[in-house]
Amino acid sequence: MAKVALFYTAWTDSVERIVDEAAGQIIPIHYSQIIWQKKNRQLVALANGQDLAQFRLFYFRAVGDRNENLPLLLEYAQKRQIRVVDQYLTRLGGAMRKRKSNEAMLLQAAGVSYPKSVFVADHQLLTELVAKWPKPVILKNTAGRHGTGTFWIRRQEDLEKAFLGRRRANFLLQEYIPNDGDYRLFLIGYQVVAGFKRQPKEAKLILNRSQGSSVALEKVPVKVKAEAEKAARALGVEIAGVDLVVDQRRQQPVVIEVNQAPEFRVMEKRTGKNIAAAIIQFLLK
């Protein structure tokens, strides 16, 4: 019997690598393949003719904001005592989606070293806060992805440019962290398994947006490793990509972002580590 069902929305390199190396022990299931029906007074989920209750673990590579299957699958797993990866999906009312605001507030509440942040939806209140904070500051659209929707605010006029065309957007206001490049780490089971550091191209960096050359890390600095693992545990992200910088003012590692179900081909290429095999080992264990 196959142990793990891997749910996905797009056939990415990462999904393909995991499925190929798992040799039949991890079965890929596209959300469109799932059929829900009632049988013997119970709700039954089928995919390719197989009852999903036969699996021992559900691994979600992608969830999406409009995924109608997700809450049903989580309920299905709970009733049948099927393990779910990642654990963050069982939080905040059943499905903690990827939101910069959720992440920021939970990390701060857990005592993780994280930029001073304020989440406020009202743009007038935000404008007043920006006027009071030391410049520069960072402004993030909470729905932004992969660096999009992140703005470096050096003067009040920059704020109006950030709002342009985004009057209904919600924003996260953060302090600027002076640094000498960013660490990119990959964690499995809340443990750092690989990482590299990107060097800056210029002196002024916007948090994790340095674009210089990268250096593979044979050994991740102890404090950086500890803060990354603390952040992943605080959010319940078992397989995570964590971005950090070291604050040059205090020499303290600061978590910038925790990525859920991250792609890992670049990490494999730059570190020489077989991330796919490590993920498979963790899931089967």
Protein backbone atom coordinates (compact mmCIF):
# COMPACT_ATOMS: atom_id res chain seq x y z
CA MET A 1 0.00 0.00 0.00
CA ALA A 2 1.31 3.46 -0.89
CA LYS A 3 2.07 5.45 2.22
CA VAL A 4 1.95 9.06 1.02
CA ALA A 5 -0.42 11.06 -1.16
CA LEU A 6 1.20 14.18 -2.61
CA PHE A 7 -1.34 16.85 -3.58
CA TYR A 8 -0.27 19.41 -6.18
CA THR A 9 -1.62 22.05 -8.55
CA ALA A 10 1.27 22.24 -11.04
CA TRP A 11 3.74 19.59 -12.20
CA THR A 12 6.90 21.43 -11.15
CA ASP A 13 10.50 20.18 -11.17
CA SER A 14 10.28 19.67 -7.41
CA VAL A 15 7.13 17.53 -7.60
CA GLU A 16 8.62 15.47 -10.42
CA ARG A 17 11.88 14.87 -8.53
CA ILE A 18 10.06 13.68 -5.39
CA VAL A 19 7.72 11.35 -7.30
CA ASP A 20 10.50 9.86 -9.46
CA GLU A 21 12.86 9.18 -6.55
CA ALA A 22 10.11 7.78 -4.30
CA ALA A 23 9.68 4.78 -6.63
CA GLY A 24 5.95 4.37 -6.16
CA GLN A 25 5.80 5.02 -2.43
CA ILE A 26 4.57 8.59 -2.93
CA ILE A 27 1.59 8.98 -5.24
CA PRO A 28 0.96 12.36 -6.94
CA ILE A 29 -2.65 13.51 -6.97
CA HIS A 30 -3.80 16.63 -8.80
CA TYR A 31 -6.71 18.29 -7.04
CA SER A 32 -8.81 17.97 -10.19
CA GLN A 33 -8.58 14.17 -9.94
CA ILE A 34 -10.45 14.03 -6.60
CA ILE A 35 -14.06 12.87 -6.53
CA TRP A 36 -16.16 13.40 -3.39
CA GLN A 37 -19.22 11.22 -2.79
CA LYS A 38 -21.33 9.68 -0.07
CA LYS A 39 -20.99 5.95 0.59
CA ASN A 40 -22.47 3.98 3.49
CA ARG A 41 -23.40 7.24 5.25
CA GLN A 42 -19.82 8.50 5.03
CA LEU A 43 -18.09 11.05 2.85
CA VAL A 44 -15.58 9.28 0.62
CA ALA A 45 -12.74 10.85 -1.38
CA LEU A 46 -11.51 9.00 -4.46
CA ALA A 47 -8.63 9.68 -6.83
CA ASN A 48 -7.99 7.45 -9.84
CA GLY A 49 -10.36 4.91 -8.31
CA GLN A 50 -8.44 4.75 -5.03
CA ASP A 51 -9.97 5.69 -1.68
CA LEU A 52 -7.75 8.36 -0.11
CA ALA A 53 -8.40 6.78 3.30
CA GLN A 54 -5.85 4.12 2.31
CA PHE A 55 -3.01 6.62 2.60
CA ARG A 56 -1.16 7.13 5.86
CA LEU A 57 0.00 10.66 5.13
CA PHE A 58 -1.19 13.65 3.08
CA TYR A 59 1.59 15.92 1.81
CA PHE A 60 0.41 19.23 0.36
CA ARG A 61 2.86 20.77 -2.13
CA ALA A 62 0.41 23.58 -2.92
CA VAL A 63 -2.79 24.80 -1.30
CA GLY A 64 -3.91 28.02 -3.02
CA ASP A 65 -6.44 30.57 -1.85
CA ARG A 66 -9.33 29.14 -3.89
CA ASN A 67 -8.74 25.47 -3.29
CA GLU A 68 -12.14 24.05 -2.36
CA ASN A 69 -10.66 20.58 -1.79
CA LEU A 70 -8.29 21.66 0.96
CA PRO A 71 -10.70 22.07 3.90
CA LEU A 72 -12.44 18.84 2.90
CA LEU A 73 -9.14 16.95 2.74
CA LEU A 74 -8.05 18.30 6.12
CA GLU A 75 -11.35 17.22 7.67
CA TYR A 76 -11.04 13.85 5.94
CA ALA A 77 -7.52 13.38 7.33
CA GLN A 78 -8.55 14.34 10.84
CA LYS A 79 -11.46 11.90 10.98
CA ARG A 80 -9.34 9.05 9.65
CA GLN A 81 -6.22 9.91 11.67
CA ILE A 82 -4.14 10.53 8.56
CA ARG A 83 -1.00 12.59 9.23
CA VAL A 84 -0.78 15.96 7.46
CA VAL A 85 2.37 17.73 6.26
CA ASP A 86 2.77 20.63 6.81
CA GLN A 87 1.26 21.11 10.26
CA TYR A 88 0.53 24.79 9.63
CA LEU A 89 -2.49 23.68 7.58
CA THR A 90 -4.27 22.54 10.74
CA ARG A 91 -3.93 25.96 12.41
CA LEU A 92 -6.07 29.11 12.42
CA GLY A 93 -9.44 27.55 11.83
CA GLY A 94 -8.29 24.66 9.68
CA ALA A 95 -6.06 26.22 7.02
CA MET A 96 -3.46 28.89 7.66
CA ARG A 97 -2.91 30.23 4.16
CA LYS A 98 0.24 31.97 3.08
CA ARG A 99 -0.22 35.54 4.31
CA LYS A 100 2.62 37.87 5.23
CA SER A 101 0.45 39.38 7.98
CA ASN A 102 -0.23 35.99 9.63
CA GLU A 103 3.42 35.05 9.44
CA ALA A 104 4.65 38.36 10.88
CA MET A 105 2.28 38.38 13.83
CA LEU A 106 2.81 34.71 14.74
CA LEU A 107 6.62 34.96 14.53
CA GLN A 108 6.68 38.08 16.70
CA ALA A 109 4.33 36.50 19.24
CA ALA A 110 6.61 33.42 19.41
CA GLY A 111 9.65 35.56 20.23
CA VAL A 112 11.42 34.86 16.94
CA SER A 113 13.94 37.53 15.92
CA TYR A 114 11.92 39.31 13.24
CA PRO A 115 11.77 42.89 11.91
CA LYS A 116 9.57 45.24 13.90
CA SER A 117 6.28 44.99 12.02
CA VAL A 118 2.81 46.51 12.04
CA PHE A 119 -0.16 45.15 10.11
CA VAL A 120 -2.91 47.67 9.41
CA ALA A 121 -5.48 47.70 6.62
CA ASP A 122 -6.44 51.39 6.75
CA HIS A 123 -4.18 53.40 4.44
CA GLN A 124 -4.62 56.64 6.36
CA LEU A 125 -3.42 55.00 9.57
CA LEU A 126 -0.55 53.48 7.63
CA THR A 127 0.43 56.88 6.24
CA GLU A 128 0.51 58.33 9.76
CA LEU A 129 2.67 55.45 11.02
CA VAL A 130 5.17 55.78 8.15
CA ALA A 131 5.54 59.49 8.97
CA LYS A 132 6.60 58.60 12.53
CA TRP A 133 8.99 55.71 11.77
CA PRO A 134 12.72 56.29 11.05
CA LYS A 135 13.46 56.01 7.33
CA PRO A 136 13.97 53.92 5.34
CA VAL A 137 11.16 51.48 6.07
CA ILE A 138 9.88 48.45 4.18
CA LEU A 139 6.30 48.19 2.99
CA LYS A 140 4.94 44.82 1.86
CA ASN A 141 1.69 44.07 0.10
CA THR A 142 0.42 41.10 2.17
CA ALA A 143 -0.69 39.29 -1.01
CA GLY A 144 2.71 39.72 -2.71
CA ARG A 145 4.81 36.74 -3.76
CA HIS A 146 8.48 36.17 -4.62
CA GLY A 147 9.56 39.75 -3.89
CA THR A 148 6.70 41.43 -5.74
CA GLY A 149 4.75 44.04 -3.80
CA THR A 150 7.74 44.96 -1.61
CA PHE A 151 8.64 48.66 -1.46
CA TRP A 152 11.56 50.59 0.00
CA ILE A 153 10.14 53.77 1.52
CA ARG A 154 12.79 56.48 1.95
CA ARG A 155 10.51 59.50 1.91
CA GLN A 156 6.79 60.13 2.27
CA GLU A 157 6.32 60.49 -1.51
CA ASP A 158 7.41 56.86 -1.99
CA LEU A 159 4.33 55.80 -0.05
CA GLU A 160 1.97 57.28 -2.62
CA LYS A 161 3.77 55.37 -5.38
CA ALA A 162 3.35 52.15 -3.40
CA PHE A 163 -0.39 52.80 -3.01
CA LEU A 164 -0.84 53.59 -6.70
CA GLY A 165 -3.30 51.08 -8.13
CA ARG A 166 -3.41 49.25 -4.79
CA ARG A 167 -6.01 51.19 -2.83
CA ARG A 168 -7.71 48.00 -1.66
CA ALA A 169 -4.51 46.17 -0.79
CA ASN A 170 -3.43 45.41 2.77
CA PHE A 171 0.12 46.22 3.81
CA LEU A 172 2.70 45.21 6.37
CA LEU A 173 5.02 47.96 7.61
CA GLN A 174 8.49 46.79 8.67
CA GLU A 175 11.74 48.31 9.87
CA TYR A 176 14.71 48.21 7.50
CA ILE A 177 17.46 45.77 8.53
CA PRO A 178 21.01 46.78 7.45
CA ASN A 179 22.87 43.61 6.41
CA ASP A 180 25.66 42.19 4.27
CA GLY A 181 23.61 39.68 2.28
CA ASP A 182 20.95 37.09 3.00
CA TYR A 183 20.98 33.46 4.08
CA ARG A 184 18.72 31.00 2.29
CA LEU A 185 18.19 27.79 4.23
CA PHE A 186 16.21 24.62 3.57
CA LEU A 187 14.62 22.83 6.52
CA ILE A 188 13.07 19.36 6.72
CA GLY A 189 11.39 18.23 9.92
CA TYR A 190 12.24 21.63 11.42
CA GLN A 191 15.97 20.93 10.92
CA VAL A 192 18.33 22.85 8.59
CA VAL A 193 19.64 20.45 5.94
CA ALA A 194 21.23 22.85 3.43
CA GLY A 195 21.87 26.52 2.82
CA PHE A 196 23.72 29.21 0.94
CA LYS A 197 24.39 32.90 1.38
CA ARG A 198 23.77 35.50 -1.29
CA GLN A 199 26.24 38.36 -1.39
CA PRO A 200 25.03 41.92 -2.00
CA LYS A 201 25.59 43.76 -5.26
CA GLU A 202 25.22 47.08 -3.55
CA ALA A 203 25.57 48.54 -0.07
CA LYS A 204 21.88 49.27 0.42
CA LEU A 205 19.72 46.17 0.54
CA ILE A 206 15.98 45.77 0.87
CA LEU A 207 15.85 43.01 3.46
CA ASN A 208 16.17 39.77 1.49
CA ARG A 209 16.39 41.25 -2.00
CA SER A 210 20.14 41.08 -2.52
CA GLN A 211 21.06 39.85 -5.98
CA GLY A 212 24.78 39.17 -5.81
CA SER A 213 26.66 35.88 -6.16
CA SER A 214 25.89 33.04 -3.76
CA VAL A 215 28.19 30.94 -1.58
CA ALA A 216 27.24 27.42 -0.43
CA LEU A 217 27.54 26.94 3.32
CA GLU A 218 29.42 23.88 4.52
CA LYS A 219 28.34 24.88 8.01
CA VAL A 220 25.51 27.27 8.80
CA PRO A 221 26.35 29.71 11.63
CA VAL A 222 24.90 28.38 14.91
CA LYS A 223 22.76 31.43 15.66
CA VAL A 224 21.41 31.60 12.11
CA LYS A 225 20.51 27.89 12.17
CA ALA A 226 18.80 28.18 15.57
CA GLU A 227 16.68 31.16 14.55
CA ALA A 228 15.57 29.48 11.31
CA GLU A 229 14.52 26.32 13.13
CA LYS A 230 12.71 28.33 15.80
CA ALA A 231 10.76 30.19 13.11
CA ALA A 232 9.73 27.01 11.29
CA ARG A 233 8.51 25.42 14.52
CA ALA A 234 6.61 28.55 15.53
CA LEU A 235 4.64 28.43 12.28
CA GLY A 236 4.35 24.64 12.00
CA VAL A 237 6.09 24.53 8.61
CA GLU A 238 7.84 21.16 8.57
CA ILE A 239 9.37 21.46 5.08
CA ALA A 240 10.43 25.08 4.74
CA GLY A 241 12.65 27.56 3.02
CA VAL A 242 13.74 30.25 5.48
CA ASP A 243 15.35 33.56 4.49
CA LEU A 244 17.40 35.45 7.09
CA VAL A 245 19.82 38.35 7.36
CA VAL A 246 22.21 39.34 10.14
CA ASP A 247 21.45 42.77 11.56
CA GLN A 248 24.75 44.67 11.31
CA ARG A 249 23.80 46.88 14.25
CA ARG A 250 23.50 44.03 16.75
CA GLN A 251 25.00 41.05 14.89
CA GLN A 252 21.71 39.25 15.48
CA PRO A 253 20.15 36.95 12.84
CA VAL A 254 16.72 38.18 11.76
CA VAL A 255 14.15 36.00 9.99
CA ILE A 256 12.73 37.67 6.89
CA GLU A 257 10.44 35.01 5.48
CA VAL A 258 9.36 31.40 5.93
CA ASN A 259 8.36 29.74 2.66
CA GLN A 260 5.92 26.84 2.68
CA ALA A 261 6.49 23.87 0.30
CA PRO A 262 9.46 25.66 -1.31
CA GLU A 263 11.03 24.74 -4.63
CA PHE A 264 14.47 23.22 -4.13
CA ARG A 265 16.24 22.76 -7.48
CA VAL A 266 18.31 25.92 -6.97
CA MET A 267 19.22 24.79 -3.46
CA GLU A 268 20.35 21.40 -4.81
CA LYS A 269 22.37 23.05 -7.58
CA ARG A 270 24.15 25.48 -5.27
CA THR A 271 24.80 23.12 -2.35
CA GLY A 272 25.16 19.72 -4.03
CA LYS A 273 22.64 18.24 -1.56
CA ASN A 274 19.91 15.79 -2.65
CA ILE A 275 16.94 17.64 -1.16
CA ALA A 276 14.36 15.42 -2.89
CA ALA A 277 15.78 12.28 -1.25
CA ALA A 278 15.81 13.96 2.16
CA ILE A 279 12.15 15.01 1.78
CA ILE A 280 11.16 11.47 0.78
CA GLN A 281 13.01 9.98 3.74
CA PHE A 282 11.21 12.36 6.10
CA LEU A 283 7.76 11.70 4.65
CA LEU A 284 8.13 7.92 4.71
CA LYS A 285 9.52 7.98 8.25
